[in-house]
């Protein structure tokens, strides 16, 4: 992801998402998120990996369909089963399918939830963390966002479970993770499409 990608997203997708009040990402400014996330993690001696997912429009041109920022070498969320580090899926945003169709001529907008998670799993596998990932479902996404992650196959960390000591926020019950077995299942499900 480059600054040009974030500016494009903020000017072309962002204003349309802002009108969809049910979106957890409706007020996100990627041109602010990208440098802020990199700086915050740099202070913690971690690296952010920012990715763009592209799709093909009807005119055969490619258009940005999704944006994500992951944190590499993040503490594994399930402290009851200490396994070392993982990757953390920090911010993800898929362009609304109606926006992709109406504004950019994408006849069959892709469903990106599993793809975002797969990116995290594969990067975690390649980084030596056995595919372990974690994420926090934004509160603005309400119960429906929790359902999305459950349907994707992630494990939900109980709200009574402690978080790793280096994570300062309170566990609000909206944390999800994939251990090695779940990560392998998630990756294997998408292997035929690779």
N, C-alpha and C. Protein backbone atom coordinates (compact mmCIF):
# COMPACT_ATOMS: atom_id res chain seq x y z
N UNK A 1 0.84 -1.17 0.00
CA UNK A 1 0.00 0.00 0.00
C UNK A 1 0.89 1.23 0.00
N UNK A 2 0.55 2.15 -0.87
CA UNK A 2 1.29 3.40 -0.95
C UNK A 2 0.39 4.56 -0.53
N UNK A 3 0.99 5.73 -0.40
CA UNK A 3 0.20 6.92 -0.10
C UNK A 3 -0.83 7.17 -1.20
N UNK A 4 -0.46 6.87 -2.44
CA UNK A 4 -1.40 7.05 -3.56
C UNK A 4 -2.62 6.14 -3.40
N UNK A 5 -2.41 4.92 -2.91
CA UNK A 5 -3.54 4.01 -2.67
C UNK A 5 -4.48 4.59 -1.61
N UNK A 6 -3.91 5.12 -0.54
CA UNK A 6 -4.75 5.65 0.55
C UNK A 6 -5.52 6.88 0.09
N UNK A 7 -4.89 7.73 -0.68
CA UNK A 7 -5.58 8.94 -1.19
C UNK A 7 -6.70 8.53 -2.13
N UNK A 8 -6.42 7.56 -3.02
CA UNK A 8 -7.46 7.09 -3.93
C UNK A 8 -8.65 6.57 -3.13
N UNK A 9 -8.37 5.71 -2.12
CA UNK A 9 -9.44 5.12 -1.32
C UNK A 9 -10.24 6.20 -0.60
N UNK A 10 -9.52 7.14 0.03
CA UNK A 10 -10.20 8.20 0.79
C UNK A 10 -11.05 9.10 -0.08
N UNK A 11 -10.66 9.29 -1.33
CA UNK A 11 -11.42 10.18 -2.20
C UNK A 11 -12.52 9.47 -3.00
N UNK A 12 -12.33 8.19 -3.30
CA UNK A 12 -13.30 7.48 -4.15
C UNK A 12 -14.23 6.55 -3.38
N UNK A 13 -13.71 5.87 -2.38
CA UNK A 13 -14.51 4.89 -1.62
C UNK A 13 -14.99 5.50 -0.30
N UNK A 14 -14.11 6.19 0.39
CA UNK A 14 -14.43 6.74 1.71
C UNK A 14 -15.71 7.54 1.79
N UNK A 15 -15.93 8.51 0.88
CA UNK A 15 -17.17 9.30 0.97
C UNK A 15 -18.44 8.45 0.81
N UNK A 16 -18.35 7.40 0.02
CA UNK A 16 -19.52 6.53 -0.15
C UNK A 16 -19.73 5.64 1.07
N UNK A 17 -18.64 5.18 1.68
CA UNK A 17 -18.76 4.38 2.91
C UNK A 17 -19.30 5.23 4.04
N UNK A 18 -18.96 6.50 4.08
CA UNK A 18 -19.40 7.37 5.17
C UNK A 18 -20.92 7.45 5.26
N UNK A 19 -21.59 7.22 4.14
CA UNK A 19 -23.06 7.28 4.11
C UNK A 19 -23.71 5.98 4.58
N UNK A 20 -22.92 4.93 4.74
CA UNK A 20 -23.45 3.63 5.16
C UNK A 20 -23.21 3.49 6.66
N UNK A 21 -24.21 3.84 7.44
CA UNK A 21 -24.02 3.96 8.90
C UNK A 21 -23.72 2.65 9.60
N UNK A 22 -23.97 1.51 8.96
CA UNK A 22 -23.71 0.21 9.59
C UNK A 22 -22.27 -0.24 9.43
N UNK A 23 -21.46 0.49 8.68
CA UNK A 23 -20.06 0.09 8.45
C UNK A 23 -19.18 0.53 9.61
N UNK A 24 -18.40 -0.41 10.12
CA UNK A 24 -17.45 -0.09 11.19
C UNK A 24 -16.35 0.85 10.70
N UNK A 25 -16.05 0.81 9.42
CA UNK A 25 -14.96 1.60 8.83
C UNK A 25 -15.43 2.87 8.14
N UNK A 26 -16.64 3.27 8.39
CA UNK A 26 -17.23 4.36 7.59
C UNK A 26 -16.53 5.70 7.74
N UNK A 27 -15.82 5.91 8.81
CA UNK A 27 -15.15 7.20 9.02
C UNK A 27 -13.63 7.08 9.02
N UNK A 28 -13.12 5.95 8.58
CA UNK A 28 -11.67 5.76 8.56
C UNK A 28 -11.04 6.55 7.43
N UNK A 29 -9.96 7.19 7.73
CA UNK A 29 -9.15 7.88 6.72
C UNK A 29 -7.85 7.11 6.57
N UNK A 30 -7.73 6.39 5.48
CA UNK A 30 -6.55 5.56 5.27
C UNK A 30 -5.30 6.39 5.10
N UNK A 31 -5.42 7.61 4.59
CA UNK A 31 -4.23 8.45 4.44
C UNK A 31 -3.71 8.91 5.80
N UNK A 32 -4.54 8.83 6.83
CA UNK A 32 -4.07 9.10 8.19
C UNK A 32 -3.69 7.81 8.92
N UNK A 33 -4.46 6.74 8.67
CA UNK A 33 -4.20 5.47 9.35
C UNK A 33 -2.82 4.89 9.02
N UNK A 34 -2.46 4.92 7.75
CA UNK A 34 -1.22 4.27 7.34
C UNK A 34 0.01 4.85 8.06
N UNK A 35 0.24 6.17 8.01
CA UNK A 35 1.43 6.67 8.72
C UNK A 35 1.31 6.55 10.24
N UNK A 36 0.08 6.74 10.78
CA UNK A 36 -0.11 6.64 12.22
C UNK A 36 0.19 5.23 12.71
N UNK A 37 -0.33 4.24 12.01
CA UNK A 37 -0.10 2.84 12.41
C UNK A 37 1.38 2.49 12.36
N UNK A 38 2.06 2.93 11.30
CA UNK A 38 3.49 2.65 11.19
C UNK A 38 4.27 3.28 12.34
N UNK A 39 3.93 4.51 12.70
CA UNK A 39 4.64 5.18 13.79
C UNK A 39 4.38 4.52 15.14
N UNK A 40 3.12 4.19 15.41
CA UNK A 40 2.77 3.56 16.69
C UNK A 40 3.52 2.25 16.85
N UNK A 41 3.56 1.44 15.80
CA UNK A 41 4.22 0.14 15.91
C UNK A 41 5.74 0.27 15.89
N UNK A 42 6.25 1.28 15.22
CA UNK A 42 7.70 1.51 15.22
C UNK A 42 8.19 1.75 16.65
N UNK A 43 7.43 2.52 17.41
CA UNK A 43 7.78 2.79 18.81
C UNK A 43 7.81 1.48 19.60
N UNK A 44 6.95 0.53 19.25
CA UNK A 44 6.88 -0.75 19.93
C UNK A 44 7.81 -1.79 19.31
N UNK A 45 8.62 -1.35 18.35
CA UNK A 45 9.59 -2.21 17.65
C UNK A 45 8.92 -3.35 16.89
N UNK A 46 7.76 -3.01 16.33
CA UNK A 46 7.06 -3.95 15.47
C UNK A 46 6.88 -3.30 14.10
N UNK A 47 6.54 -4.13 13.14
CA UNK A 47 6.40 -3.66 11.75
C UNK A 47 4.96 -3.86 11.29
N UNK A 48 4.43 -2.86 10.59
CA UNK A 48 3.12 -2.99 9.97
C UNK A 48 3.30 -3.46 8.53
N UNK A 49 2.40 -4.31 8.10
CA UNK A 49 2.36 -4.74 6.70
C UNK A 49 1.03 -4.24 6.15
N UNK A 50 1.08 -3.35 5.18
CA UNK A 50 -0.14 -2.80 4.59
C UNK A 50 -0.34 -3.38 3.19
N UNK A 51 -1.55 -3.82 2.93
CA UNK A 51 -1.86 -4.51 1.69
C UNK A 51 -3.07 -3.91 0.99
N UNK A 52 -3.08 -4.02 -0.34
CA UNK A 52 -4.22 -3.61 -1.16
C UNK A 52 -4.68 -4.84 -1.94
N UNK A 53 -5.98 -5.06 -1.97
CA UNK A 53 -6.55 -6.12 -2.79
C UNK A 53 -7.23 -5.46 -3.98
N UNK A 54 -6.91 -5.96 -5.15
CA UNK A 54 -7.44 -5.41 -6.40
C UNK A 54 -8.43 -6.39 -7.02
N UNK A 55 -9.37 -5.87 -7.79
CA UNK A 55 -10.27 -6.69 -8.58
C UNK A 55 -10.38 -6.06 -9.97
N UNK A 56 -10.90 -6.83 -10.90
CA UNK A 56 -11.01 -6.35 -12.28
C UNK A 56 -12.43 -5.85 -12.54
N UNK A 57 -12.50 -4.66 -13.09
CA UNK A 57 -13.79 -4.07 -13.47
C UNK A 57 -14.19 -4.54 -14.86
N UNK A 58 -15.41 -4.20 -15.26
CA UNK A 58 -15.91 -4.61 -16.56
C UNK A 58 -15.11 -4.08 -17.74
N UNK A 59 -14.42 -2.97 -17.54
CA UNK A 59 -13.60 -2.39 -18.63
C UNK A 59 -12.20 -3.01 -18.67
N UNK A 60 -12.01 -4.11 -17.92
CA UNK A 60 -10.75 -4.85 -17.85
C UNK A 60 -9.65 -4.12 -17.07
N UNK A 61 -9.98 -2.97 -16.48
CA UNK A 61 -9.03 -2.24 -15.64
C UNK A 61 -9.14 -2.77 -14.21
N UNK A 62 -8.05 -2.64 -13.47
CA UNK A 62 -8.06 -3.07 -12.07
C UNK A 62 -8.49 -1.91 -11.19
N UNK A 63 -9.22 -2.24 -10.13
CA UNK A 63 -9.69 -1.25 -9.17
C UNK A 63 -9.44 -1.81 -7.76
N UNK A 64 -9.13 -0.92 -6.84
CA UNK A 64 -8.88 -1.34 -5.46
C UNK A 64 -10.21 -1.80 -4.84
N UNK A 65 -10.17 -2.98 -4.24
CA UNK A 65 -11.38 -3.53 -3.63
C UNK A 65 -11.25 -3.69 -2.12
N UNK A 66 -10.02 -3.66 -1.60
CA UNK A 66 -9.83 -3.84 -0.17
C UNK A 66 -8.50 -3.29 0.30
N UNK A 67 -8.47 -2.89 1.56
CA UNK A 67 -7.26 -2.34 2.17
C UNK A 67 -7.10 -3.01 3.54
N UNK A 68 -5.86 -3.27 3.93
CA UNK A 68 -5.63 -3.86 5.25
C UNK A 68 -4.27 -3.47 5.80
N UNK A 69 -4.20 -3.43 7.13
CA UNK A 69 -2.95 -3.20 7.84
C UNK A 69 -2.83 -4.28 8.90
N UNK A 70 -1.72 -5.02 8.85
CA UNK A 70 -1.44 -6.08 9.81
C UNK A 70 -0.20 -5.71 10.61
N UNK A 71 -0.13 -6.21 11.83
CA UNK A 71 1.05 -6.02 12.66
C UNK A 71 1.80 -7.34 12.72
N UNK A 72 3.07 -7.31 12.38
CA UNK A 72 3.90 -8.51 12.45
C UNK A 72 4.48 -8.65 13.86
N UNK A 73 4.68 -9.89 14.29
CA UNK A 73 5.28 -10.21 15.60
C UNK A 73 4.47 -9.62 16.75
N UNK A 74 3.19 -9.88 16.74
CA UNK A 74 2.28 -9.40 17.78
C UNK A 74 2.08 -10.51 18.81
N UNK A 75 1.90 -10.17 20.09
CA UNK A 75 1.69 -11.23 21.09
C UNK A 75 0.46 -12.09 20.75
N UNK A 76 0.62 -13.40 20.87
CA UNK A 76 -0.48 -14.32 20.61
C UNK A 76 -1.55 -14.11 21.67
N UNK A 77 -2.80 -13.98 21.27
CA UNK A 77 -3.88 -13.58 22.18
C UNK A 77 -4.27 -14.62 23.21
N UNK A 78 -4.17 -15.88 22.89
CA UNK A 78 -4.61 -16.92 23.82
C UNK A 78 -3.48 -17.26 24.80
N UNK A 79 -3.44 -16.53 25.91
CA UNK A 79 -2.36 -16.73 26.88
C UNK A 79 -2.48 -18.07 27.60
N UNK A 80 -3.65 -18.72 27.54
CA UNK A 80 -3.82 -20.04 28.16
C UNK A 80 -3.05 -21.10 27.39
N UNK A 81 -2.73 -20.81 26.15
CA UNK A 81 -1.96 -21.75 25.31
C UNK A 81 -0.80 -20.97 24.70
N UNK A 82 0.18 -20.58 25.52
CA UNK A 82 1.26 -19.74 25.00
C UNK A 82 1.97 -20.42 23.83
N UNK A 83 2.06 -19.67 22.75
CA UNK A 83 2.63 -20.25 21.54
C UNK A 83 3.62 -19.30 20.88
N UNK A 84 4.01 -18.24 21.56
CA UNK A 84 4.91 -17.27 20.94
C UNK A 84 4.13 -16.14 20.30
N UNK A 85 4.65 -15.62 19.23
CA UNK A 85 4.03 -14.47 18.58
C UNK A 85 3.07 -14.90 17.48
N UNK A 86 2.40 -13.91 16.92
CA UNK A 86 1.44 -14.11 15.84
C UNK A 86 1.47 -12.86 14.97
N UNK A 87 0.55 -12.78 14.05
CA UNK A 87 0.31 -11.55 13.30
C UNK A 87 -1.07 -11.05 13.72
N UNK A 88 -1.23 -9.74 13.77
CA UNK A 88 -2.49 -9.15 14.20
C UNK A 88 -3.10 -8.40 13.03
N UNK A 89 -4.33 -8.75 12.69
CA UNK A 89 -5.06 -8.08 11.61
C UNK A 89 -5.67 -6.83 12.23
N UNK A 90 -5.02 -5.68 12.00
CA UNK A 90 -5.37 -4.46 12.73
C UNK A 90 -6.52 -3.70 12.09
N UNK A 91 -6.41 -3.37 10.82
CA UNK A 91 -7.47 -2.66 10.10
C UNK A 91 -7.74 -3.37 8.79
N UNK A 92 -9.02 -3.63 8.49
CA UNK A 92 -9.40 -4.16 7.19
C UNK A 92 -10.65 -3.43 6.70
N UNK A 93 -10.69 -3.20 5.41
CA UNK A 93 -11.84 -2.54 4.82
C UNK A 93 -12.04 -3.06 3.40
N UNK A 94 -13.20 -3.64 3.17
CA UNK A 94 -13.58 -4.09 1.83
C UNK A 94 -14.54 -3.07 1.25
N UNK A 95 -14.32 -2.70 0.01
CA UNK A 95 -15.23 -1.75 -0.65
C UNK A 95 -16.62 -2.37 -0.71
N UNK A 96 -17.61 -1.56 -0.43
CA UNK A 96 -18.99 -2.01 -0.51
C UNK A 96 -19.29 -2.54 -1.90
N UNK A 97 -19.95 -3.69 -1.99
CA UNK A 97 -20.21 -4.31 -3.29
C UNK A 97 -21.07 -3.42 -4.18
N UNK A 98 -22.03 -2.70 -3.61
CA UNK A 98 -22.85 -1.79 -4.40
C UNK A 98 -22.04 -0.65 -4.98
N UNK A 99 -21.08 -0.15 -4.21
CA UNK A 99 -20.19 0.92 -4.69
C UNK A 99 -19.31 0.39 -5.81
N UNK A 100 -18.74 -0.80 -5.63
CA UNK A 100 -17.89 -1.37 -6.68
C UNK A 100 -18.67 -1.57 -7.98
N UNK A 101 -19.91 -2.03 -7.86
CA UNK A 101 -20.73 -2.26 -9.05
C UNK A 101 -21.15 -0.95 -9.72
N UNK A 102 -21.75 -0.07 -8.94
CA UNK A 102 -22.32 1.16 -9.50
C UNK A 102 -21.27 2.16 -9.95
N UNK A 103 -20.22 2.32 -9.18
CA UNK A 103 -19.24 3.37 -9.47
C UNK A 103 -18.08 2.91 -10.34
N UNK A 104 -17.76 1.61 -10.27
CA UNK A 104 -16.55 1.15 -10.95
C UNK A 104 -16.78 0.01 -11.94
N UNK A 105 -18.05 -0.40 -12.11
CA UNK A 105 -18.36 -1.41 -13.11
C UNK A 105 -17.84 -2.81 -12.80
N UNK A 106 -17.74 -3.14 -11.51
CA UNK A 106 -17.32 -4.49 -11.13
C UNK A 106 -18.58 -5.36 -11.10
N UNK A 107 -18.70 -6.27 -12.07
CA UNK A 107 -19.91 -7.07 -12.22
C UNK A 107 -20.11 -8.03 -11.05
N UNK A 108 -19.04 -8.64 -10.58
CA UNK A 108 -19.12 -9.59 -9.46
C UNK A 108 -18.13 -9.19 -8.38
N UNK A 109 -18.53 -8.25 -7.50
CA UNK A 109 -17.62 -7.82 -6.44
C UNK A 109 -17.21 -8.99 -5.55
N UNK A 110 -15.93 -9.08 -5.24
CA UNK A 110 -15.46 -10.21 -4.43
C UNK A 110 -15.85 -10.07 -2.96
N UNK A 111 -16.09 -11.20 -2.32
CA UNK A 111 -16.27 -11.25 -0.87
C UNK A 111 -14.87 -11.37 -0.28
N UNK A 112 -14.47 -10.41 0.54
CA UNK A 112 -13.06 -10.33 0.94
C UNK A 112 -12.77 -10.74 2.38
N UNK A 113 -13.78 -11.02 3.18
CA UNK A 113 -13.51 -11.34 4.58
C UNK A 113 -12.50 -12.46 4.76
N UNK A 114 -12.73 -13.59 4.10
CA UNK A 114 -11.81 -14.72 4.20
C UNK A 114 -10.46 -14.39 3.57
N UNK A 115 -10.45 -13.58 2.53
CA UNK A 115 -9.19 -13.21 1.87
C UNK A 115 -8.32 -12.38 2.81
N UNK A 116 -8.92 -11.43 3.51
CA UNK A 116 -8.16 -10.64 4.49
C UNK A 116 -7.53 -11.55 5.54
N UNK A 117 -8.31 -12.48 6.06
CA UNK A 117 -7.79 -13.40 7.07
C UNK A 117 -6.71 -14.30 6.49
N UNK A 118 -6.92 -14.75 5.26
CA UNK A 118 -5.93 -15.59 4.60
C UNK A 118 -4.60 -14.85 4.43
N UNK A 119 -4.66 -13.56 4.10
CA UNK A 119 -3.43 -12.77 4.01
C UNK A 119 -2.67 -12.82 5.32
N UNK A 120 -3.39 -12.64 6.42
CA UNK A 120 -2.75 -12.68 7.74
C UNK A 120 -2.17 -14.05 8.05
N UNK A 121 -2.92 -15.11 7.75
CA UNK A 121 -2.47 -16.47 8.02
C UNK A 121 -1.22 -16.79 7.22
N UNK A 122 -1.24 -16.49 5.92
CA UNK A 122 -0.10 -16.82 5.06
C UNK A 122 1.13 -16.00 5.47
N UNK A 123 0.95 -14.73 5.77
CA UNK A 123 2.09 -13.93 6.22
C UNK A 123 2.63 -14.46 7.55
N UNK A 124 1.74 -14.90 8.43
CA UNK A 124 2.17 -15.47 9.71
C UNK A 124 2.92 -16.79 9.49
N UNK A 125 2.43 -17.61 8.58
CA UNK A 125 3.14 -18.86 8.26
C UNK A 125 4.52 -18.55 7.70
N UNK A 126 4.58 -17.62 6.77
CA UNK A 126 5.87 -17.26 6.16
C UNK A 126 6.81 -16.60 7.16
N UNK A 127 6.25 -15.96 8.18
CA UNK A 127 7.06 -15.31 9.20
C UNK A 127 7.52 -16.26 10.30
N UNK A 128 7.11 -17.51 10.23
CA UNK A 128 7.53 -18.50 11.23
C UNK A 128 6.61 -18.60 12.43
N UNK A 129 5.36 -18.13 12.31
CA UNK A 129 4.43 -18.15 13.44
C UNK A 129 3.29 -19.14 13.25
N UNK A 130 3.49 -20.10 12.36
CA UNK A 130 2.55 -21.21 12.16
C UNK A 130 1.14 -20.76 11.79
N UNK A 131 1.02 -19.58 11.22
CA UNK A 131 -0.29 -19.10 10.78
C UNK A 131 -1.12 -18.43 11.85
N UNK A 132 -0.59 -18.35 13.08
CA UNK A 132 -1.37 -17.75 14.17
C UNK A 132 -1.66 -16.28 13.88
N UNK A 133 -2.94 -15.91 14.05
CA UNK A 133 -3.34 -14.52 13.89
C UNK A 133 -4.28 -14.13 15.01
N UNK A 134 -4.45 -12.85 15.19
CA UNK A 134 -5.43 -12.31 16.11
C UNK A 134 -6.05 -11.08 15.49
N UNK A 135 -7.18 -10.67 16.03
CA UNK A 135 -7.82 -9.42 15.59
C UNK A 135 -8.81 -8.97 16.65
N UNK A 136 -9.21 -7.73 16.53
CA UNK A 136 -10.25 -7.17 17.38
C UNK A 136 -11.36 -6.66 16.48
N UNK A 137 -12.57 -7.12 16.72
CA UNK A 137 -13.73 -6.66 15.93
C UNK A 137 -14.13 -5.27 16.44
N UNK A 138 -14.06 -4.29 15.56
CA UNK A 138 -14.39 -2.92 15.94
C UNK A 138 -15.79 -2.85 16.54
N UNK A 139 -15.92 -2.13 17.64
CA UNK A 139 -17.22 -2.00 18.32
C UNK A 139 -18.29 -1.42 17.41
N UNK A 140 -17.88 -0.53 16.51
CA UNK A 140 -18.83 0.08 15.59
C UNK A 140 -19.48 -0.94 14.66
N UNK A 141 -18.87 -2.11 14.52
CA UNK A 141 -19.43 -3.16 13.67
C UNK A 141 -20.57 -3.92 14.32
N UNK A 142 -20.77 -3.70 15.63
CA UNK A 142 -21.87 -4.34 16.33
C UNK A 142 -21.81 -5.86 16.30
N UNK A 143 -22.94 -6.49 16.62
CA UNK A 143 -23.00 -7.96 16.66
C UNK A 143 -22.78 -8.60 15.28
N UNK A 144 -23.15 -7.92 14.22
CA UNK A 144 -23.02 -8.52 12.89
C UNK A 144 -21.56 -8.76 12.53
N UNK A 145 -20.65 -7.90 12.98
CA UNK A 145 -19.23 -8.11 12.69
C UNK A 145 -18.70 -9.32 13.45
N UNK A 146 -19.20 -9.53 14.66
CA UNK A 146 -18.81 -10.71 15.43
C UNK A 146 -19.23 -11.98 14.67
N UNK A 147 -20.43 -11.94 14.12
CA UNK A 147 -20.94 -13.08 13.36
C UNK A 147 -20.07 -13.37 12.14
N UNK A 148 -19.59 -12.33 11.48
CA UNK A 148 -18.72 -12.52 10.30
C UNK A 148 -17.49 -13.32 10.68
N UNK A 149 -16.83 -12.94 11.77
CA UNK A 149 -15.59 -13.62 12.16
C UNK A 149 -15.84 -15.05 12.64
N UNK A 150 -16.98 -15.27 13.30
CA UNK A 150 -17.33 -16.63 13.71
C UNK A 150 -17.55 -17.48 12.46
N UNK A 151 -18.29 -16.95 11.49
CA UNK A 151 -18.56 -17.70 10.25
C UNK A 151 -17.28 -17.96 9.46
N UNK A 152 -16.30 -17.08 9.61
CA UNK A 152 -15.01 -17.29 8.93
C UNK A 152 -14.20 -18.41 9.58
N UNK A 153 -14.59 -18.82 10.78
CA UNK A 153 -13.90 -19.93 11.44
C UNK A 153 -12.94 -19.55 12.54
N UNK A 154 -12.90 -18.27 12.91
CA UNK A 154 -12.00 -17.85 13.98
C UNK A 154 -12.56 -18.23 15.35
N UNK A 155 -11.68 -18.37 16.32
CA UNK A 155 -12.07 -18.63 17.70
C UNK A 155 -12.22 -17.29 18.42
N UNK A 156 -13.27 -17.18 19.22
CA UNK A 156 -13.50 -15.95 19.97
C UNK A 156 -12.90 -16.09 21.36
N UNK A 157 -12.10 -15.12 21.74
CA UNK A 157 -11.50 -15.11 23.07
C UNK A 157 -12.57 -14.67 24.08
N UNK A 158 -12.86 -15.49 25.09
CA UNK A 158 -13.88 -15.09 26.07
C UNK A 158 -13.49 -13.78 26.76
N UNK A 159 -14.50 -12.99 27.09
CA UNK A 159 -14.23 -11.68 27.71
C UNK A 159 -13.56 -11.80 29.07
N UNK A 160 -13.69 -12.95 29.73
CA UNK A 160 -13.04 -13.16 31.03
C UNK A 160 -11.58 -13.59 30.88
N UNK A 161 -11.17 -13.93 29.66
CA UNK A 161 -9.80 -14.39 29.44
C UNK A 161 -8.82 -13.22 29.52
N UNK A 162 -7.67 -13.43 30.15
CA UNK A 162 -6.68 -12.36 30.18
C UNK A 162 -6.03 -12.17 28.81
N UNK A 163 -5.57 -10.96 28.58
CA UNK A 163 -4.80 -10.66 27.37
C UNK A 163 -3.32 -10.71 27.72
N UNK A 164 -2.46 -10.88 26.73
CA UNK A 164 -1.02 -10.84 27.01
C UNK A 164 -0.66 -9.54 27.74
N UNK A 165 0.33 -9.62 28.61
CA UNK A 165 0.70 -8.48 29.45
C UNK A 165 1.06 -7.22 28.69
N UNK A 166 1.59 -7.34 27.48
CA UNK A 166 1.98 -6.14 26.73
C UNK A 166 0.80 -5.45 26.06
N UNK A 167 -0.39 -6.06 26.11
CA UNK A 167 -1.59 -5.42 25.54
C UNK A 167 -2.30 -4.72 26.68
N UNK A 168 -2.40 -3.42 26.57
CA UNK A 168 -2.89 -2.62 27.69
C UNK A 168 -4.41 -2.45 27.73
N UNK A 169 -5.07 -2.72 26.63
CA UNK A 169 -6.51 -2.48 26.62
C UNK A 169 -7.24 -3.61 27.33
N UNK A 170 -8.48 -3.34 27.72
CA UNK A 170 -9.32 -4.32 28.40
C UNK A 170 -9.90 -5.28 27.37
N UNK A 171 -10.08 -6.52 27.77
CA UNK A 171 -10.72 -7.51 26.92
C UNK A 171 -12.23 -7.28 26.96
N UNK A 172 -12.77 -6.79 25.86
CA UNK A 172 -14.20 -6.51 25.78
C UNK A 172 -14.99 -7.64 25.14
N UNK A 173 -14.35 -8.79 24.92
CA UNK A 173 -15.03 -9.93 24.32
C UNK A 173 -15.11 -9.88 22.81
N UNK A 174 -14.40 -8.93 22.20
CA UNK A 174 -14.45 -8.79 20.74
C UNK A 174 -13.12 -9.20 20.08
N UNK A 175 -12.29 -9.93 20.82
CA UNK A 175 -11.03 -10.43 20.26
C UNK A 175 -11.24 -11.82 19.67
N UNK A 176 -10.61 -12.04 18.52
CA UNK A 176 -10.66 -13.34 17.85
C UNK A 176 -9.24 -13.76 17.52
N UNK A 177 -9.06 -15.08 17.36
CA UNK A 177 -7.73 -15.58 17.02
C UNK A 177 -7.84 -16.88 16.24
N UNK A 178 -6.76 -17.23 15.59
CA UNK A 178 -6.62 -18.53 14.94
C UNK A 178 -5.36 -19.17 15.47
N UNK A 179 -5.50 -20.36 16.05
CA UNK A 179 -4.32 -21.12 16.46
C UNK A 179 -3.78 -21.86 15.23
N UNK A 180 -2.79 -22.70 15.44
CA UNK A 180 -2.15 -23.39 14.32
C UNK A 180 -3.13 -24.25 13.53
N UNK A 181 -4.02 -24.97 14.26
CA UNK A 181 -4.96 -25.86 13.58
C UNK A 181 -6.00 -25.08 12.77
N UNK A 182 -6.55 -24.03 13.37
CA UNK A 182 -7.53 -23.20 12.65
C UNK A 182 -6.86 -22.52 11.46
N UNK A 183 -5.66 -22.02 11.67
CA UNK A 183 -4.94 -21.34 10.58
C UNK A 183 -4.69 -22.29 9.42
N UNK A 184 -4.31 -23.52 9.73
CA UNK A 184 -4.07 -24.51 8.65
C UNK A 184 -5.35 -24.80 7.90
N UNK A 185 -6.46 -24.92 8.62
CA UNK A 185 -7.76 -25.17 7.97
C UNK A 185 -8.16 -23.99 7.09
N UNK A 186 -7.96 -22.77 7.60
CA UNK A 186 -8.30 -21.59 6.82
C UNK A 186 -7.46 -21.52 5.54
N UNK A 187 -6.17 -21.77 5.68
CA UNK A 187 -5.27 -21.71 4.52
C UNK A 187 -5.60 -22.81 3.52
N UNK A 188 -5.85 -24.01 4.01
CA UNK A 188 -6.13 -25.14 3.13
C UNK A 188 -7.41 -24.92 2.33
N UNK A 189 -8.40 -24.27 2.94
CA UNK A 189 -9.67 -24.02 2.25
C UNK A 189 -9.48 -23.15 1.02
N UNK A 190 -8.47 -22.27 1.04
CA UNK A 190 -8.25 -21.38 -0.10
C UNK A 190 -7.08 -21.82 -1.00
N UNK A 191 -6.42 -22.93 -0.64
CA UNK A 191 -5.29 -23.40 -1.45
C UNK A 191 -5.65 -23.61 -2.93
N UNK A 192 -6.84 -24.18 -3.26
CA UNK A 192 -7.16 -24.39 -4.67
C UNK A 192 -7.22 -23.08 -5.49
N UNK A 193 -7.46 -21.96 -4.82
CA UNK A 193 -7.57 -20.68 -5.52
C UNK A 193 -6.21 -19.99 -5.69
N UNK A 194 -5.17 -20.54 -5.12
CA UNK A 194 -3.85 -19.90 -5.20
C UNK A 194 -3.20 -20.16 -6.53
